[in-house]
PDB file of N, CA and C in Angstrom:
ATOM      1  N   MET A   1       0.845  -1.174   0.000  1.00  0.00           N
ATOM      2  CA  MET A   1       0.000   0.000   0.000  1.00  0.00           C
ATOM      3  C   MET A   1       0.892   1.240   0.000  1.00  0.00           C
ATOM      4  N   ASN A   2       0.620   2.188  -0.897  1.00  0.00           N
ATOM      5  CA  ASN A   2       1.414   3.407  -0.982  1.00  0.00           C
ATOM      6  C   ASN A   2       1.055   4.360   0.144  1.00  0.00           C
ATOM      7  N   ARG A   3       2.087   4.958   0.706  1.00  0.00           N
ATOM      8  CA  ARG A   3       1.872   5.931   1.774  1.00  0.00           C
ATOM      9  C   ARG A   3       2.005   7.332   1.193  1.00  0.00           C
ATOM     10  N   PHE A   4       1.293   8.265   1.790  1.00  0.00           N
ATOM     11  CA  PHE A   4       1.363   9.646   1.355  1.00  0.00           C
ATOM     12  C   PHE A   4       2.551  10.302   2.052  1.00  0.00           C
ATOM     13  N   THR A   5       3.602  10.571   1.303  1.00  0.00           N
ATOM     14  CA  THR A   5       4.824  11.164   1.840  1.00  0.00           C
ATOM     15  C   THR A   5       5.071  12.501   1.160  1.00  0.00           C
ATOM     16  N   SER A   6       6.132  13.176   1.555  1.00  0.00           N
ATOM     17  CA  SER A   6       6.456  14.452   0.909  1.00  0.00           C
ATOM     18  C   SER A   6       6.756  14.240  -0.576  1.00  0.00           C
ATOM     19  N   GLU A   7       7.324  13.105  -0.909  1.00  0.00           N
ATOM     20  CA  GLU A   7       7.610  12.803  -2.316  1.00  0.00           C
ATOM     21  C   GLU A   7       6.327  12.578  -3.120  1.00  0.00           C
ATOM     22  N   THR A   8       5.414  11.780  -2.570  1.00  0.00           N
ATOM     23  CA  THR A   8       4.149  11.552  -3.281  1.00  0.00           C
ATOM     24  C   THR A   8       3.316  12.829  -3.320  1.00  0.00           C
ATOM     25  N   ALA A   9       3.448  13.676  -2.308  1.00  0.00           N
ATOM     26  CA  ALA A   9       2.735  14.961  -2.307  1.00  0.00           C
ATOM     27  C   ALA A   9       3.247  15.845  -3.432  1.00  0.00           C
ATOM     28  N   ARG A  10       4.563  15.840  -3.647  1.00  0.00           N
ATOM     29  CA  ARG A  10       5.145  16.615  -4.745  1.00  0.00           C
ATOM     30  C   ARG A  10       4.612  16.129  -6.087  1.00  0.00           C
ATOM     31  N   GLU A  11       4.550  14.820  -6.233  1.00  0.00           N
ATOM     32  CA  GLU A  11       4.011  14.236  -7.471  1.00  0.00           C
ATOM     33  C   GLU A  11       2.556  14.635  -7.675  1.00  0.00           C
ATOM     34  N   ALA A  12       1.774  14.592  -6.613  1.00  0.00           N
ATOM     35  CA  ALA A  12       0.350  14.929  -6.709  1.00  0.00           C
ATOM     36  C   ALA A  12       0.152  16.394  -7.038  1.00  0.00           C
ATOM     37  N   GLY A  13       1.081  17.245  -6.626  1.00  0.00           N
ATOM     38  CA  GLY A  13       0.947  18.676  -6.846  1.00  0.00           C
ATOM     39  C   GLY A  13       1.406  19.152  -8.207  1.00  0.00           C
ATOM     40  N   LYS A  14       1.987  18.269  -8.995  1.00  0.00           N
ATOM     41  CA  LYS A  14       2.448  18.661 -10.326  1.00  0.00           C
ATOM     42  C   LYS A  14       1.268  18.994 -11.230  1.00  0.00           C
ATOM     43  N   LYS A  15       1.544  19.782 -12.233  1.00  0.00           N
ATOM     44  CA  LYS A  15       0.510  20.190 -13.171  1.00  0.00           C
ATOM     45  C   LYS A  15      -0.019  18.991 -13.959  1.00  0.00           C
ATOM     46  N   SER A  16      -1.312  19.014 -14.219  1.00  0.00           N
ATOM     47  CA  SER A  16      -1.959  17.936 -14.957  1.00  0.00           C
ATOM     48  C   SER A  16      -1.425  17.855 -16.392  1.00  0.00           C
ATOM     49  N   LYS A  17      -1.355  16.655 -16.921  1.00  0.00           N
ATOM     50  CA  LYS A  17      -0.892  16.449 -18.286  1.00  0.00           C
ATOM     51  C   LYS A  17      -2.042  16.155 -19.244  1.00  0.00           C
ATOM     52  N   ARG A  18      -3.262  16.408 -18.804  1.00  0.00           N
ATOM     53  CA  ARG A  18      -4.408  16.013 -19.625  1.00  0.00           C
ATOM     54  C   ARG A  18      -4.714  16.965 -20.764  1.00  0.00           C
ATOM     55  N   GLY A  19      -4.058  18.123 -20.828  1.00  0.00           N
ATOM     56  CA  GLY A  19      -4.265  19.051 -21.920  1.00  0.00           C
ATOM     57  C   GLY A  19      -5.358  20.058 -21.626  1.00  0.00           C
ATOM     58  N   PRO A  20      -5.590  20.965 -22.583  1.00  0.00           N
ATOM     59  CA  PRO A  20      -6.574  22.023 -22.365  1.00  0.00           C
ATOM     60  C   PRO A  20      -8.006  21.485 -22.396  1.00  0.00           C
ATOM     61  N   ALA A  21      -8.899  22.241 -21.807  1.00  0.00           N
ATOM     62  CA  ALA A  21     -10.312  21.866 -21.803  1.00  0.00           C
ATOM     63  C   ALA A  21     -10.850  21.882 -23.223  1.00  0.00           C
ATOM     64  N   LYS A  22     -11.773  20.993 -23.502  1.00  0.00           N
ATOM     65  CA  LYS A  22     -12.340  20.914 -24.838  1.00  0.00           C
ATOM     66  C   LYS A  22     -13.481  21.909 -25.044  1.00  0.00           C
ATOM     67  N   LEU A  23     -13.964  22.494 -23.957  1.00  0.00           N
ATOM     68  CA  LEU A  23     -15.065  23.443 -24.037  1.00  0.00           C
ATOM     69  C   LEU A  23     -14.494  24.851 -24.036  1.00  0.00           C
ATOM     70  N   ASN A  24     -14.456  25.474 -25.217  1.00  0.00           N
ATOM     71  CA  ASN A  24     -13.940  26.834 -25.291  1.00  0.00           C
ATOM     72  C   ASN A  24     -15.081  27.814 -25.525  1.00  0.00           C
ATOM     73  N   SER A  25     -14.765  29.078 -25.653  1.00  0.00           N
ATOM     74  CA  SER A  25     -15.814  30.094 -25.763  1.00  0.00           C
ATOM     75  C   SER A  25     -16.631  29.948 -27.048  1.00  0.00           C
ATOM     76  N   SER A  26     -16.016  29.505 -28.148  1.00  0.00           N
ATOM     77  CA  SER A  26     -16.789  29.353 -29.388  1.00  0.00           C
ATOM     78  C   SER A  26     -17.785  28.195 -29.268  1.00  0.00           C
ATOM     79  N   THR A  27     -17.384  27.113 -28.600  1.00  0.00           N
ATOM     80  CA  THR A  27     -18.307  25.999 -28.370  1.00  0.00           C
ATOM     81  C   THR A  27     -19.447  26.437 -27.467  1.00  0.00           C
ATOM     82  N   ARG A  28     -19.106  27.181 -26.418  1.00  0.00           N
ATOM     83  CA  ARG A  28     -20.114  27.675 -25.485  1.00  0.00           C
ATOM     84  C   ARG A  28     -21.110  28.587 -26.215  1.00  0.00           C
ATOM     85  N   THR A  29     -20.600  29.459 -27.100  1.00  0.00           N
ATOM     86  CA  THR A  29     -21.459  30.364 -27.866  1.00  0.00           C
ATOM     87  C   THR A  29     -22.370  29.582 -28.799  1.00  0.00           C
ATOM     88  N   LEU A  30     -21.825  28.578 -29.464  1.00  0.00           N
ATOM     89  CA  LEU A  30     -22.617  27.753 -30.378  1.00  0.00           C
ATOM     90  C   LEU A  30     -23.765  27.070 -29.637  1.00  0.00           C
ATOM     91  N   ILE A  31     -23.477  26.467 -28.500  1.00  0.00           N
ATOM     92  CA  ILE A  31     -24.522  25.773 -27.732  1.00  0.00           C
ATOM     93  C   ILE A  31     -25.538  26.760 -27.203  1.00  0.00           C
ATOM     94  N   PHE A  32     -25.077  27.923 -26.737  1.00  0.00           N
ATOM     95  CA  PHE A  32     -25.995  28.948 -26.244  1.00  0.00           C
ATOM     96  C   PHE A  32     -26.937  29.387 -27.363  1.00  0.00           C
ATOM     97  N   ASP A  33     -26.394  29.650 -28.555  1.00  0.00           N
ATOM     98  CA  ASP A  33     -27.223  30.064 -29.689  1.00  0.00           C
ATOM     99  C   ASP A  33     -28.217  28.981 -30.089  1.00  0.00           C
ATOM    100  N   LEU A  34     -27.790  27.737 -30.051  1.00  0.00           N
ATOM    101  CA  LEU A  34     -28.672  26.620 -30.371  1.00  0.00           C
ATOM    102  C   LEU A  34     -29.828  26.554 -29.383  1.00  0.00           C
ATOM    103  N   LEU A  35     -29.527  26.664 -28.098  1.00  0.00           N
ATOM    104  CA  LEU A  35     -30.579  26.645 -27.080  1.00  0.00           C
ATOM    105  C   LEU A  35     -31.501  27.852 -27.222  1.00  0.00           C
ATOM    106  N   LYS A  36     -30.915  29.004 -27.513  1.00  0.00           N
ATOM    107  CA  LYS A  36     -31.711  30.225 -27.635  1.00  0.00           C
ATOM    108  C   LYS A  36     -32.646  30.156 -28.840  1.00  0.00           C
ATOM    109  N   SER A  37     -32.184  29.625 -29.955  1.00  0.00           N
ATOM    110  CA  SER A  37     -33.016  29.559 -31.159  1.00  0.00           C
ATOM    111  C   SER A  37     -34.146  28.538 -31.026  1.00  0.00           C
ATOM    112  N   ASN A  38     -33.978  27.555 -30.144  1.00  0.00           N
ATOM    113  CA  ASN A  38     -35.010  26.542 -29.909  1.00  0.00           C
ATOM    114  C   ASN A  38     -35.591  26.669 -28.507  1.00  0.00           C
ATOM    115  N   GLU A  39     -35.593  27.876 -27.998  1.00  0.00           N
ATOM    116  CA  GLU A  39     -35.949  28.119 -26.609  1.00  0.00           C
ATOM    117  C   GLU A  39     -37.343  27.601 -26.242  1.00  0.00           C
ATOM    118  N   GLU A  40     -38.332  27.916 -27.050  1.00  0.00           N
ATOM    119  CA  GLU A  40     -39.704  27.515 -26.723  1.00  0.00           C
ATOM    120  C   GLU A  40     -39.864  25.994 -26.721  1.00  0.00           C
ATOM    121  N   LYS A  41     -39.360  25.345 -27.763  1.00  0.00           N
ATOM    122  CA  LYS A  41     -39.452  23.891 -27.853  1.00  0.00           C
ATOM    123  C   LYS A  41     -38.687  23.229 -26.717  1.00  0.00           C
ATOM    124  N   PHE A  42     -37.490  23.743 -26.434  1.00  0.00           N
ATOM    125  CA  PHE A  42     -36.667  23.192 -25.370  1.00  0.00           C
ATOM    126  C   PHE A  42     -37.356  23.362 -24.018  1.00  0.00           C
ATOM    127  N   TYR A  43     -37.932  24.527 -23.786  1.00  0.00           N
ATOM    128  CA  TYR A  43     -38.631  24.795 -22.530  1.00  0.00           C
ATOM    129  C   TYR A  43     -39.805  23.827 -22.346  1.00  0.00           C
ATOM    130  N   GLN A  44     -40.573  23.595 -23.399  1.00  0.00           N
ATOM    131  CA  GLN A  44     -41.705  22.665 -23.322  1.00  0.00           C
ATOM    132  C   GLN A  44     -41.218  21.249 -23.004  1.00  0.00           C
ATOM    133  N   ASN A  45     -40.125  20.853 -23.624  1.00  0.00           N
ATOM    134  CA  ASN A  45     -39.564  19.523 -23.348  1.00  0.00           C
ATOM    135  C   ASN A  45     -39.075  19.410 -21.910  1.00  0.00           C
ATOM    136  N   LEU A  46     -38.484  20.481 -21.396  1.00  0.00           N
ATOM    137  CA  LEU A  46     -38.041  20.465 -20.004  1.00  0.00           C
ATOM    138  C   LEU A  46     -39.214  20.321 -19.039  1.00  0.00           C
ATOM    139  N   LEU A  47     -40.320  20.971 -19.355  1.00  0.00           N
ATOM    140  CA  LEU A  47     -41.491  20.906 -18.476  1.00  0.00           C
ATOM    141  C   LEU A  47     -42.086  19.505 -18.414  1.00  0.00           C
ATOM    142  N   GLU A  48     -41.853  18.704 -19.430  1.00  0.00           N
ATOM    143  CA  GLU A  48     -42.386  17.345 -19.460  1.00  0.00           C
ATOM    144  C   GLU A  48     -41.557  16.371 -18.617  1.00  0.00           C
ATOM    145  N   LEU A  49     -40.389  16.793 -18.189  1.00  0.00           N
ATOM    146  CA  LEU A  49     -39.522  15.923 -17.398  1.00  0.00           C
ATOM    147  C   LEU A  49     -39.984  15.850 -15.942  1.00  0.00           C
ATOM    148  N   GLU A  50     -39.589  14.775 -15.309  1.00  0.00           N
ATOM    149  CA  GLU A  50     -39.814  14.651 -13.864  1.00  0.00           C
ATOM    150  C   GLU A  50     -38.923  15.686 -13.172  1.00  0.00           C
ATOM    151  N   PRO A  51     -39.286  16.126 -11.969  1.00  0.00           N
ATOM    152  CA  PRO A  51     -38.482  17.154 -11.292  1.00  0.00           C
ATOM    153  C   PRO A  51     -36.991  16.810 -11.189  1.00  0.00           C
ATOM    154  N   LYS A  52     -36.660  15.574 -10.853  1.00  0.00           N
ATOM    155  CA  LYS A  52     -35.250  15.187 -10.734  1.00  0.00           C
ATOM    156  C   LYS A  52     -34.555  15.263 -12.092  1.00  0.00           C
ATOM    157  N   GLN A  53     -35.218  14.786 -13.137  1.00  0.00           N
ATOM    158  CA  GLN A  53     -34.651  14.845 -14.473  1.00  0.00           C
ATOM    159  C   GLN A  53     -34.467  16.298 -14.921  1.00  0.00           C
ATOM    160  N   PHE A  54     -35.424  17.145 -14.585  1.00  0.00           N
ATOM    161  CA  PHE A  54     -35.354  18.563 -14.931  1.00  0.00           C
ATOM    162  C   PHE A  54     -34.108  19.195 -14.310  1.00  0.00           C
ATOM    163  N   VAL A  55     -33.914  18.973 -13.015  1.00  0.00           N
ATOM    164  CA  VAL A  55     -32.770  19.550 -12.310  1.00  0.00           C
ATOM    165  C   VAL A  55     -31.467  18.987 -12.864  1.00  0.00           C
ATOM    166  N   ASP A  56     -31.406  17.692 -13.092  1.00  0.00           N
ATOM    167  CA  ASP A  56     -30.197  17.074 -13.650  1.00  0.00           C
ATOM    168  C   ASP A  56     -29.842  17.686 -15.003  1.00  0.00           C
ATOM    169  N   THR A  57     -30.827  17.833 -15.864  1.00  0.00           N
ATOM    170  CA  THR A  57     -30.607  18.409 -17.189  1.00  0.00           C
ATOM    171  C   THR A  57     -30.160  19.854 -17.081  1.00  0.00           C
ATOM    172  N   TYR A  58     -30.811  20.611 -16.228  1.00  0.00           N
ATOM    173  CA  TYR A  58     -30.496  22.026 -16.034  1.00  0.00           C
ATOM    174  C   TYR A  58     -29.048  22.192 -15.567  1.00  0.00           C
ATOM    175  N   VAL A  59     -28.664  21.402 -14.574  1.00  0.00           N
ATOM    176  CA  VAL A  59     -27.310  21.488 -14.014  1.00  0.00           C
ATOM    177  C   VAL A  59     -26.271  21.061 -15.049  1.00  0.00           C
ATOM    178  N   LYS A  60     -26.597  20.071 -15.855  1.00  0.00           N
ATOM    179  CA  LYS A  60     -25.656  19.608 -16.871  1.00  0.00           C
ATOM    180  C   LYS A  60     -25.447  20.647 -17.972  1.00  0.00           C
ATOM    181  N   LEU A  61     -26.468  21.458 -18.240  1.00  0.00           N
ATOM    182  CA  LEU A  61     -26.359  22.461 -19.302  1.00  0.00           C
ATOM    183  C   LEU A  61     -25.671  23.751 -18.854  1.00  0.00           C
ATOM    184  N   LEU A  62     -25.664  24.032 -17.573  1.00  0.00           N
ATOM    185  CA  LEU A  62     -25.074  25.279 -17.078  1.00  0.00           C
ATOM    186  C   LEU A  62     -23.631  25.509 -17.528  1.00  0.00           C
ATOM    187  N   PRO A  63     -22.760  24.519 -17.457  1.00  0.00           N
ATOM    188  CA  PRO A  63     -21.374  24.775 -17.887  1.00  0.00           C
ATOM    189  C   PRO A  63     -21.246  25.159 -19.360  1.00  0.00           C
ATOM    190  N   TYR A  64     -22.226  24.777 -20.173  1.00  0.00           N
ATOM    191  CA  TYR A  64     -22.170  25.112 -21.594  1.00  0.00           C
ATOM    192  C   TYR A  64     -22.631  26.541 -21.863  1.00  0.00           C
ATOM    193  N   VAL A  65     -23.346  27.123 -20.926  1.00  0.00           N
ATOM    194  CA  VAL A  65     -23.882  28.463 -21.125  1.00  0.00           C
ATOM    195  C   VAL A  65     -23.095  29.500 -20.317  1.00  0.00           C
ATOM    196  N   LEU A  66     -22.743  29.157 -19.094  1.00  0.00           N
ATOM    197  CA  LEU A  66     -22.010  30.070 -18.227  1.00  0.00           C
ATOM    198  C   LEU A  66     -20.533  29.708 -18.218  1.00  0.00           C
ATOM    199  N   ALA A  67     -19.697  30.719 -18.337  1.00  0.00           N
ATOM    200  CA  ALA A  67     -18.261  30.489 -18.237  1.00  0.00           C
ATOM    201  C   ALA A  67     -17.901  30.249 -16.775  1.00  0.00           C
ATOM    202  N   PRO A  68     -16.911  29.397 -16.529  1.00  0.00           N
ATOM    203  CA  PRO A  68     -16.477  29.218 -15.147  1.00  0.00           C
ATOM    204  C   PRO A  68     -15.979  30.544 -14.579  1.00  0.00           C
ATOM    205  N   ARG A  69     -16.092  30.706 -13.288  1.00  0.00           N
ATOM    206  CA  ARG A  69     -15.692  31.961 -12.663  1.00  0.00           C
ATOM    207  C   ARG A  69     -14.245  32.311 -12.954  1.00  0.00           C
ATOM    208  N   SER A  70     -13.403  31.326 -13.096  1.00  0.00           N
ATOM    209  CA  SER A  70     -11.986  31.590 -13.363  1.00  0.00           C
ATOM    210  C   SER A  70     -11.760  32.177 -14.751  1.00  0.00           C
ATOM    211  N   LYS A  71     -12.718  31.999 -15.643  1.00  0.00           N
ATOM    212  CA  LYS A  71     -12.577  32.503 -17.008  1.00  0.00           C
ATOM    213  C   LYS A  71     -13.358  33.796 -17.250  1.00  0.00           C
ATOM    214  N   GLN A  72     -14.103  34.249 -16.265  1.00  0.00           N
ATOM    215  CA  GLN A  72     -14.910  35.452 -16.430  1.00  0.00           C
ATOM    216  C   GLN A  72     -14.036  36.689 -16.286  1.00  0.00           C
ATOM    217  N   THR A  73     -14.286  37.657 -17.131  1.00  0.00           N
ATOM    218  CA  THR A  73     -13.601  38.940 -17.027  1.00  0.00           C
ATOM    219  C   THR A  73     -14.652  40.032 -16.923  1.00  0.00           C
ATOM    220  N   ILE A  74     -14.312  41.063 -16.190  1.00  0.00           N
ATOM    221  CA  ILE A  74     -15.243  42.167 -15.979  1.00  0.00           C
ATOM    222  C   ILE A  74     -14.544  43.456 -16.362  1.00  0.00           C
ATOM    223  N   GLU A  75     -15.145  44.221 -17.236  1.00  0.00           N
ATOM    224  CA  GLU A  75     -14.606  45.511 -17.641  1.00  0.00           C
ATOM    225  C   GLU A  75     -15.104  46.551 -16.652  1.00  0.00           C
ATOM    226  N   VAL A  76     -14.206  47.072 -15.833  1.00  0.00           N
ATOM    227  CA  VAL A  76     -14.600  47.990 -14.767  1.00  0.00           C
ATOM    228  C   VAL A  76     -14.402  49.450 -15.129  1.00  0.00           C
ATOM    229  N   SER A  77     -13.846  49.728 -16.290  1.00  0.00           N
ATOM    230  CA  SER A  77     -13.550  51.116 -16.650  1.00  0.00           C
ATOM    231  C   SER A  77     -14.812  51.976 -16.775  1.00  0.00           C
ATOM    232  N   GLU A  78     -15.944  51.353 -17.090  1.00  0.00           N
ATOM    233  CA  GLU A  78     -17.183  52.116 -17.255  1.00  0.00           C
ATOM    234  C   GLU A  78     -18.061  52.105 -16.008  1.00  0.00           C
ATOM    235  N   LEU A  79     -17.597  51.481 -14.926  1.00  0.00           N
ATOM    236  CA  LEU A  79     -18.360  51.410 -13.690  1.00  0.00           C
ATOM    237  C   LEU A  79     -17.919  52.510 -12.729  1.00  0.00           C
ATOM    238  N   SER A  80     -18.831  52.909 -11.869  1.00  0.00           N
ATOM    239  CA  SER A  80     -18.479  53.893 -10.848  1.00  0.00           C
ATOM    240  C   SER A  80     -17.651  53.219  -9.758  1.00  0.00           C
ATOM    241  N   LYS A  81     -17.004  54.019  -8.930  1.00  0.00           N
ATOM    242  CA  LYS A  81     -16.192  53.468  -7.843  1.00  0.00           C
ATOM    243  C   LYS A  81     -17.061  52.673  -6.872  1.00  0.00           C
ATOM    244  N   ASN A  82     -18.273  53.126  -6.630  1.00  0.00           N
ATOM    245  CA  ASN A  82     -19.186  52.402  -5.727  1.00  0.00           C
ATOM    246  C   ASN A  82     -19.549  51.037  -6.293  1.00  0.00           C
ATOM    247  N   GLU A  83     -19.829  50.981  -7.605  1.00  0.00           N
ATOM    248  CA  GLU A  83     -20.178  49.706  -8.232  1.00  0.00           C
ATOM    249  C   GLU A  83     -19.013  48.726  -8.165  1.00  0.00           C
ATOM    250  N   VAL A  84     -17.800  49.215  -8.395  1.00  0.00           N
ATOM    251  CA  VAL A  84     -16.612  48.359  -8.314  1.00  0.00           C
ATOM    252  C   VAL A  84     -16.425  47.851  -6.889  1.00  0.00           C
ATOM    253  N   ALA A  85     -16.589  48.746  -5.906  1.00  0.00           N
ATOM    254  CA  ALA A  85     -16.440  48.349  -4.508  1.00  0.00           C
ATOM    255  C   ALA A  85     -17.460  47.290  -4.127  1.00  0.00           C
ATOM    256  N   GLU A  86     -18.708  47.436  -4.593  1.00  0.00           N
ATOM    257  CA  GLU A  86     -19.752  46.438  -4.295  1.00  0.00           C
ATOM    258  C   GLU A  86     -19.407  45.092  -4.904  1.00  0.00           C
ATOM    259  N   MET A  87     -18.883  45.095  -6.137  1.00  0.00           N
ATOM    260  CA  MET A  87     -18.515  43.843  -6.797  1.00  0.00           C
ATOM    261  C   MET A  87     -17.396  43.147  -6.034  1.00  0.00           C
ATOM    262  N   ILE A  88     -16.426  43.922  -5.574  1.00  0.00           N
ATOM    263  CA  ILE A  88     -15.304  43.333  -4.836  1.00  0.00           C
ATOM    264  C   ILE A  88     -15.810  42.716  -3.541  1.00  0.00           C
ATOM    265  N   LEU A  89     -16.722  43.395  -2.864  1.00  0.00           N
ATOM    266  CA  LEU A  89     -17.278  42.854  -1.631  1.00  0.00           C
ATOM    267  C   LEU A  89     -18.035  41.554  -1.873  1.00  0.00           C
ATOM    268  N   GLU A  90     -18.767  41.481  -2.977  1.00  0.00           N
ATOM    269  CA  GLU A  90     -19.532  40.276  -3.310  1.00  0.00           C
ATOM    270  C   GLU A  90     -18.617  39.088  -3.613  1.00  0.00           C
ATOM    271  N   LEU A  91     -17.444  39.362  -4.157  1.00  0.00           N
ATOM    272  CA  LEU A  91     -16.509  38.295  -4.525  1.00  0.00           C
ATOM    273  C   LEU A  91     -15.748  37.747  -3.320  1.00  0.00           C
ATOM    274  N   GLN A  92     -15.734  38.475  -2.235  1.00  0.00           N
ATOM    275  CA  GLN A  92     -14.977  38.038  -1.060  1.00  0.00           C
ATOM    276  C   GLN A  92     -15.735  37.030  -0.251  1.00  0.00           C
TER     277      GLN A  92
END
């Protein structure tokens, strides 16, 4: 049985070799546009699902529509100082 040592910890902390994520902004935009163009039909289909299926589907689709927080950028040059301060407080 392998023990967790400083050496194995170093190995575990190394950067992943799996490569970049396959979901980029153009893929996210394409899926968002597809969902938006079929919004009514998609919404009706969602309503026909059982509550658990509805939530599962909804949660699975979120990553395709919303960018992860680490990839989000906010342009603050057009915001007031109060708005920027409020955003910083919300992020903490």
